[in-house]
């Protein structure tokens, strides 16, 4: 009867790692979508499927949190971390669906670059999350979080330049509105990755 009260440390970290892997997979699909725009429907469906898989992991993590008497790190940190990680894929799904709904016929190099930065951020998130089980990895995690911050800043600069070019050169108002929305969503993916990095840094401060 005491089994439910025993520490379940490994399970939480396994769930974090599974979710981070799906974030990377979703970002890879987004880059492929931008590269092979003629396969939009298939890529969009793939991202939607990945997002649903990630939702299940999020629900499983929250359910485990409610059932666990002892947790490896602060309960609130566990909830914030898995929720913010889920936000990453929510935004990627939003980007793919928006591209599909807007019936875009092509995307700009800037949009592709933003997708690449999303993937770079997700790879760093995955690496940082994989180290979270051992606070001896604190220095490595801090370095990865700083790299995520830098990538988010790069994405912000790309978006600003893309917006400037869009308002300067795009003659079609409808296309301008569409691309503006895509830029903003993709940049927000990197913001959500930065949120995850900030949470990990907070966990390090509390536990290292």
C-alpha atoms as a PDB file:
ATOM      1  CA  UNK A   1       0.000   0.000   0.000  1.00  0.00           C
ATOM      2  CA  UNK A   2       2.993   2.308   0.400  1.00  0.00           C
ATOM      3  CA  UNK A   3       4.098   1.993  -3.216  1.00  0.00           C
ATOM      4  CA  UNK A   4       2.365   5.194  -4.279  1.00  0.00           C
ATOM      5  CA  UNK A   5       4.383   7.187  -1.734  1.00  0.00           C
ATOM      6  CA  UNK A   6       7.792   6.071  -2.971  1.00  0.00           C
ATOM      7  CA  UNK A   7       9.902   8.494  -5.030  1.00  0.00           C
ATOM      8  CA  UNK A   8       9.223   8.309  -8.749  1.00  0.00           C
ATOM      9  CA  UNK A   9      12.178  10.382  -9.898  1.00  0.00           C
ATOM     10  CA  UNK A  10      13.035   8.446 -13.019  1.00  0.00           C
ATOM     11  CA  UNK A  11       9.504   8.601 -14.378  1.00  0.00           C
ATOM     12  CA  UNK A  12       9.366  12.392 -14.393  1.00  0.00           C
ATOM     13  CA  UNK A  13      12.701  12.736 -16.157  1.00  0.00           C
ATOM     14  CA  UNK A  14      11.708  10.051 -18.677  1.00  0.00           C
ATOM     15  CA  UNK A  15       8.546  11.995 -19.472  1.00  0.00           C
ATOM     16  CA  UNK A  16      10.504  15.241 -19.844  1.00  0.00           C
ATOM     17  CA  UNK A  17      12.887  13.520 -22.257  1.00  0.00           C
ATOM     18  CA  UNK A  18      10.054  12.004 -24.289  1.00  0.00           C
ATOM     19  CA  UNK A  19       8.388  15.372 -24.633  1.00  0.00           C
ATOM     20  CA  UNK A  20      11.623  17.153 -25.571  1.00  0.00           C
ATOM     21  CA  UNK A  21      12.223  14.560 -28.298  1.00  0.00           C
ATOM     22  CA  UNK A  22       8.789  15.329 -29.741  1.00  0.00           C
ATOM     23  CA  UNK A  23       9.582  19.057 -29.706  1.00  0.00           C
ATOM     24  CA  UNK A  24      12.642  18.326 -31.831  1.00  0.00           C
ATOM     25  CA  UNK A  25      10.639  16.069 -34.134  1.00  0.00           C
ATOM     26  CA  UNK A  26       7.996  18.753 -34.582  1.00  0.00           C
ATOM     27  CA  UNK A  27      10.621  21.379 -35.352  1.00  0.00           C
ATOM     28  CA  UNK A  28      12.250  19.073 -37.902  1.00  0.00           C
ATOM     29  CA  UNK A  29       8.878  18.687 -39.624  1.00  0.00           C
ATOM     30  CA  UNK A  30       8.487  22.467 -39.623  1.00  0.00           C
ATOM     31  CA  UNK A  31      11.844  22.925 -41.350  1.00  0.00           C
ATOM     32  CA  UNK A  32      10.881  20.238 -43.867  1.00  0.00           C
ATOM     33  CA  UNK A  33       7.567  21.998 -44.442  1.00  0.00           C
ATOM     34  CA  UNK A  34       9.397  25.222 -45.248  1.00  0.00           C
ATOM     35  CA  UNK A  35      11.860  23.414 -47.508  1.00  0.00           C
ATOM     36  CA  UNK A  36       9.367  21.175 -49.346  1.00  0.00           C
ATOM     37  CA  UNK A  37       6.357  23.435 -49.582  1.00  0.00           C
ATOM     38  CA  UNK A  38       4.598  21.210 -52.108  1.00  0.00           C
ATOM     39  CA  UNK A  39       4.024  18.636 -49.332  1.00  0.00           C
ATOM     40  CA  UNK A  40       2.183  21.045 -47.030  1.00  0.00           C
ATOM     41  CA  UNK A  41      -0.788  18.858 -46.119  1.00  0.00           C
ATOM     42  CA  UNK A  42       1.376  15.889 -45.124  1.00  0.00           C
ATOM     43  CA  UNK A  43       3.744  18.024 -43.036  1.00  0.00           C
ATOM     44  CA  UNK A  44       0.891  19.822 -41.309  1.00  0.00           C
ATOM     45  CA  UNK A  45      -0.758  16.530 -40.415  1.00  0.00           C
ATOM     46  CA  UNK A  46       2.560  15.197 -39.095  1.00  0.00           C
ATOM     47  CA  UNK A  47       2.997  18.207 -36.810  1.00  0.00           C
ATOM     48  CA  UNK A  48      -0.582  17.877 -35.563  1.00  0.00           C
ATOM     49  CA  UNK A  49       0.039  14.205 -34.776  1.00  0.00           C
ATOM     50  CA  UNK A  50       3.246  14.996 -32.893  1.00  0.00           C
ATOM     51  CA  UNK A  51       1.454  17.707 -30.890  1.00  0.00           C
ATOM     52  CA  UNK A  52      -1.251  15.227 -29.846  1.00  0.00           C
ATOM     53  CA  UNK A  53       1.427  12.737 -28.733  1.00  0.00           C
ATOM     54  CA  UNK A  54       3.056  15.481 -26.669  1.00  0.00           C
ATOM     55  CA  UNK A  55      -0.300  16.352 -25.090  1.00  0.00           C
ATOM     56  CA  UNK A  56      -0.582  12.779 -23.840  1.00  0.00           C
ATOM     57  CA  UNK A  57       2.854  13.023 -22.222  1.00  0.00           C
ATOM     58  CA  UNK A  58       1.874  16.327 -20.599  1.00  0.00           C
ATOM     59  CA  UNK A  59      -1.300  14.785 -19.191  1.00  0.00           C
ATOM     60  CA  UNK A  60       0.655  11.757 -17.971  1.00  0.00           C
ATOM     61  CA  UNK A  61       3.149  14.032 -16.209  1.00  0.00           C
ATOM     62  CA  UNK A  62       0.449  16.045 -14.475  1.00  0.00           C
ATOM     63  CA  UNK A  63      -1.361  12.839 -13.496  1.00  0.00           C
ATOM     64  CA  UNK A  64       1.843  11.393 -12.043  1.00  0.00           C
ATOM     65  CA  UNK A  65       2.429  14.645 -10.194  1.00  0.00           C
ATOM     66  CA  UNK A  66      -0.964  14.359  -8.515  1.00  0.00           C
ATOM     67  CA  UNK A  67      -0.283  10.766  -7.518  1.00  0.00           C
ATOM     68  CA  UNK A  68       3.263  11.277  -6.215  1.00  0.00           C
ATOM     69  CA  UNK A  69       3.887  12.038  -2.566  1.00  0.00           C
ATOM     70  CA  UNK A  70       7.595  12.712  -3.137  1.00  0.00           C
ATOM     71  CA  UNK A  71       8.963  14.429  -6.255  1.00  0.00           C
ATOM     72  CA  UNK A  72      12.603  14.838  -7.371  1.00  0.00           C
ATOM     73  CA  UNK A  73      12.255  18.597  -7.826  1.00  0.00           C
ATOM     74  CA  UNK A  74       9.679  21.154  -6.708  1.00  0.00           C
ATOM     75  CA  UNK A  75       6.140  20.214  -7.744  1.00  0.00           C
ATOM     76  CA  UNK A  76       5.458  23.644  -9.196  1.00  0.00           C
ATOM     77  CA  UNK A  77       8.650  23.469 -11.261  1.00  0.00           C
ATOM     78  CA  UNK A  78       7.602  20.099 -12.699  1.00  0.00           C
ATOM     79  CA  UNK A  79       4.226  21.499 -13.688  1.00  0.00           C
ATOM     80  CA  UNK A  80       5.692  24.690 -15.176  1.00  0.00           C
ATOM     81  CA  UNK A  81       8.372  22.814 -17.103  1.00  0.00           C
ATOM     82  CA  UNK A  82       6.086  20.301 -18.808  1.00  0.00           C
ATOM     83  CA  UNK A  83       3.472  22.991 -19.496  1.00  0.00           C
ATOM     84  CA  UNK A  84       5.969  25.361 -21.119  1.00  0.00           C
ATOM     85  CA  UNK A  85       7.436  22.513 -23.145  1.00  0.00           C
ATOM     86  CA  UNK A  86       3.924  21.737 -24.361  1.00  0.00           C
ATOM     87  CA  UNK A  87       3.528  25.379 -25.377  1.00  0.00           C
ATOM     88  CA  UNK A  88       6.442  24.932 -27.805  1.00  0.00           C
ATOM     89  CA  UNK A  89       4.580  22.319 -29.821  1.00  0.00           C
ATOM     90  CA  UNK A  90       1.281  24.173 -29.520  1.00  0.00           C
ATOM     91  CA  UNK A  91       2.882  27.130 -31.289  1.00  0.00           C
ATOM     92  CA  UNK A  92       4.434  24.927 -33.978  1.00  0.00           C
ATOM     93  CA  UNK A  93       1.047  23.371 -34.646  1.00  0.00           C
ATOM     94  CA  UNK A  94      -0.421  26.874 -34.807  1.00  0.00           C
ATOM     95  CA  UNK A  95       2.212  27.885 -37.371  1.00  0.00           C
ATOM     96  CA  UNK A  96       1.579  24.843 -39.583  1.00  0.00           C
ATOM     97  CA  UNK A  97      -2.188  25.249 -39.428  1.00  0.00           C
ATOM     98  CA  UNK A  98      -1.961  28.963 -40.164  1.00  0.00           C
ATOM     99  CA  UNK A  99       0.179  28.325 -43.232  1.00  0.00           C
ATOM    100  CA  UNK A 100      -2.363  25.742 -44.410  1.00  0.00           C
ATOM    101  CA  UNK A 101      -5.430  27.875 -43.679  1.00  0.00           C
ATOM    102  CA  UNK A 102      -3.944  30.943 -45.359  1.00  0.00           C
ATOM    103  CA  UNK A 103      -3.298  28.857 -48.488  1.00  0.00           C
ATOM    104  CA  UNK A 104       0.193  30.239 -48.923  1.00  0.00           C
ATOM    105  CA  UNK A 105       1.817  29.259 -52.182  1.00  0.00           C
ATOM    106  CA  UNK A 106       5.377  29.897 -51.012  1.00  0.00           C
ATOM    107  CA  UNK A 107       7.308  31.043 -47.967  1.00  0.00           C
ATOM    108  CA  UNK A 108      10.152  33.513 -47.680  1.00  0.00           C
ATOM    109  CA  UNK A 109      13.780  32.716 -46.839  1.00  0.00           C
ATOM    110  CA  UNK A 110      13.212  34.587 -43.569  1.00  0.00           C
ATOM    111  CA  UNK A 111      10.406  32.227 -42.579  1.00  0.00           C
ATOM    112  CA  UNK A 112      12.632  29.261 -43.330  1.00  0.00           C
ATOM    113  CA  UNK A 113      15.421  30.798 -41.241  1.00  0.00           C
ATOM    114  CA  UNK A 114      13.014  31.265 -38.330  1.00  0.00           C
ATOM    115  CA  UNK A 115      12.000  27.604 -38.610  1.00  0.00           C
ATOM    116  CA  UNK A 116      15.680  26.625 -38.518  1.00  0.00           C
ATOM    117  CA  UNK A 117      16.166  28.702 -35.367  1.00  0.00           C
ATOM    118  CA  UNK A 118      13.134  26.982 -33.825  1.00  0.00           C
ATOM    119  CA  UNK A 119      14.808  23.632 -34.484  1.00  0.00           C
ATOM    120  CA  UNK A 120      18.125  24.849 -33.055  1.00  0.00           C
ATOM    121  CA  UNK A 121      16.353  26.005 -29.881  1.00  0.00           C
ATOM    122  CA  UNK A 122      14.480  22.712 -29.527  1.00  0.00           C
ATOM    123  CA  UNK A 123      17.706  20.734 -29.873  1.00  0.00           C
ATOM    124  CA  UNK A 124      19.252  22.776 -27.045  1.00  0.00           C
ATOM    125  CA  UNK A 125      16.116  22.300 -24.930  1.00  0.00           C
ATOM    126  CA  UNK A 126      16.325  18.550 -25.475  1.00  0.00           C
ATOM    127  CA  UNK A 127      19.987  18.518 -24.466  1.00  0.00           C
ATOM    128  CA  UNK A 128      19.373  20.597 -21.331  1.00  0.00           C
ATOM    129  CA  UNK A 129      16.379  18.487 -20.275  1.00  0.00           C
ATOM    130  CA  UNK A 130      18.409  15.292 -20.710  1.00  0.00           C
ATOM    131  CA  UNK A 131      20.881  16.577 -18.089  1.00  0.00           C
ATOM    132  CA  UNK A 132      18.278  17.659 -15.566  1.00  0.00           C
ATOM    133  CA  UNK A 133      18.311  14.390 -13.605  1.00  0.00           C
ATOM    134  CA  UNK A 134      21.754  15.177 -12.172  1.00  0.00           C
ATOM    135  CA  UNK A 135      22.647  18.566 -10.691  1.00  0.00           C
ATOM    136  CA  UNK A 136      26.312  17.770 -11.289  1.00  0.00           C
ATOM    137  CA  UNK A 137      25.406  18.849 -14.827  1.00  0.00           C
ATOM    138  CA  UNK A 138      24.476  22.348 -13.640  1.00  0.00           C
ATOM    139  CA  UNK A 139      27.250  24.180 -15.488  1.00  0.00           C
ATOM    140  CA  UNK A 140      26.450  22.413 -18.766  1.00  0.00           C
ATOM    141  CA  UNK A 141      22.764  23.185 -18.378  1.00  0.00           C
ATOM    142  CA  UNK A 142      23.444  26.851 -17.684  1.00  0.00           C
ATOM    143  CA  UNK A 143      25.580  27.042 -20.825  1.00  0.00           C
ATOM    144  CA  UNK A 144      22.794  25.443 -22.872  1.00  0.00           C
ATOM    145  CA  UNK A 145      20.222  27.846 -21.429  1.00  0.00           C
ATOM    146  CA  UNK A 146      22.452  30.769 -22.384  1.00  0.00           C
ATOM    147  CA  UNK A 147      22.679  29.351 -25.903  1.00  0.00           C
ATOM    148  CA  UNK A 148      18.872  29.153 -26.074  1.00  0.00           C
ATOM    149  CA  UNK A 149      18.693  32.800 -25.003  1.00  0.00           C
ATOM    150  CA  UNK A 150      21.131  33.712 -27.774  1.00  0.00           C
ATOM    151  CA  UNK A 151      19.138  31.783 -30.389  1.00  0.00           C
ATOM    152  CA  UNK A 152      15.930  33.486 -29.257  1.00  0.00           C
ATOM    153  CA  UNK A 153      17.650  36.841 -29.673  1.00  0.00           C
ATOM    154  CA  UNK A 154      18.767  35.799 -33.164  1.00  0.00           C
ATOM    155  CA  UNK A 155      15.169  34.883 -34.021  1.00  0.00           C
ATOM    156  CA  UNK A 156      13.991  38.257 -32.772  1.00  0.00           C
ATOM    157  CA  UNK A 157      16.487  40.021 -35.040  1.00  0.00           C
ATOM    158  CA  UNK A 158      15.481  37.876 -38.034  1.00  0.00           C
ATOM    159  CA  UNK A 159      11.808  38.624 -37.428  1.00  0.00           C
ATOM    160  CA  UNK A 160      12.388  42.375 -37.162  1.00  0.00           C
ATOM    161  CA  UNK A 161      14.396  42.418 -40.388  1.00  0.00           C
ATOM    162  CA  UNK A 162      11.765  40.258 -42.082  1.00  0.00           C
ATOM    163  CA  UNK A 163       8.988  42.592 -40.959  1.00  0.00           C
ATOM    164  CA  UNK A 164      10.885  45.624 -42.236  1.00  0.00           C
ATOM    165  CA  UNK A 165      11.411  43.975 -45.612  1.00  0.00           C
ATOM    166  CA  UNK A 166       7.793  42.816 -45.745  1.00  0.00           C
ATOM    167  CA  UNK A 167       6.313  46.267 -45.133  1.00  0.00           C
ATOM    168  CA  UNK A 168       8.816  47.841 -47.493  1.00  0.00           C
ATOM    169  CA  UNK A 169       8.596  45.458 -50.447  1.00  0.00           C
ATOM    170  CA  UNK A 170       5.364  43.419 -50.344  1.00  0.00           C
ATOM    171  CA  UNK A 171       2.716  45.003 -52.627  1.00  0.00           C
ATOM    172  CA  UNK A 172      -0.083  42.540 -51.790  1.00  0.00           C
ATOM    173  CA  UNK A 173      -1.713  43.552 -48.502  1.00  0.00           C
ATOM    174  CA  UNK A 174      -3.266  40.135 -48.000  1.00  0.00           C
ATOM    175  CA  UNK A 175       0.060  38.385 -48.399  1.00  0.00           C
ATOM    176  CA  UNK A 176       1.660  40.922 -46.067  1.00  0.00           C
ATOM    177  CA  UNK A 177      -0.881  40.099 -43.353  1.00  0.00           C
ATOM    178  CA  UNK A 178      -0.354  36.362 -43.835  1.00  0.00           C
ATOM    179  CA  UNK A 179       3.437  36.467 -43.663  1.00  0.00           C
ATOM    180  CA  UNK A 180       3.394  38.835 -40.692  1.00  0.00           C
ATOM    181  CA  UNK A 181       1.338  36.281 -38.763  1.00  0.00           C
ATOM    182  CA  UNK A 182       3.685  33.433 -39.702  1.00  0.00           C
ATOM    183  CA  UNK A 183       6.765  35.382 -38.649  1.00  0.00           C
ATOM    184  CA  UNK A 184       5.227  36.226 -35.293  1.00  0.00           C
ATOM    185  CA  UNK A 185       4.174  32.651 -34.537  1.00  0.00           C
ATOM    186  CA  UNK A 186       7.558  31.191 -35.443  1.00  0.00           C
ATOM    187  CA  UNK A 187       9.369  33.754 -33.316  1.00  0.00           C
ATOM    188  CA  UNK A 188       7.035  32.888 -30.444  1.00  0.00           C
ATOM    189  CA  UNK A 189       8.215  29.259 -30.638  1.00  0.00           C
ATOM    190  CA  UNK A 190      11.692  30.479 -29.706  1.00  0.00           C
ATOM    191  CA  UNK A 191      10.163  32.572 -26.903  1.00  0.00           C
ATOM    192  CA  UNK A 192       8.588  29.439 -25.442  1.00  0.00           C
ATOM    193  CA  UNK A 193      11.964  27.668 -25.654  1.00  0.00           C
ATOM    194  CA  UNK A 194      13.470  30.568 -23.731  1.00  0.00           C
ATOM    195  CA  UNK A 195      10.720  30.151 -21.116  1.00  0.00           C
ATOM    196  CA  UNK A 196      11.805  26.532 -20.680  1.00  0.00           C
ATOM    197  CA  UNK A 197      15.428  27.634 -20.330  1.00  0.00           C
ATOM    198  CA  UNK A 198      14.432  30.130 -17.634  1.00  0.00           C
ATOM    199  CA  UNK A 199      12.578  27.420 -15.703  1.00  0.00           C
ATOM    200  CA  UNK A 200      15.594  25.093 -15.908  1.00  0.00           C
ATOM    201  CA  UNK A 201      17.859  27.871 -14.645  1.00  0.00           C
ATOM    202  CA  UNK A 202      15.485  28.373 -11.724  1.00  0.00           C
ATOM    203  CA  UNK A 203      15.545  24.657 -10.932  1.00  0.00           C
ATOM    204  CA  UNK A 204      19.351  24.748 -10.955  1.00  0.00           C
ATOM    205  CA  UNK A 205      19.425  27.666  -8.517  1.00  0.00           C
ATOM    206  CA  UNK A 206      17.060  25.833  -6.146  1.00  0.00           C
ATOM    207  CA  UNK A 207      18.742  22.428  -6.311  1.00  0.00           C
ATOM    208  CA  UNK A 208      22.408  22.707  -7.315  1.00  0.00           C
END
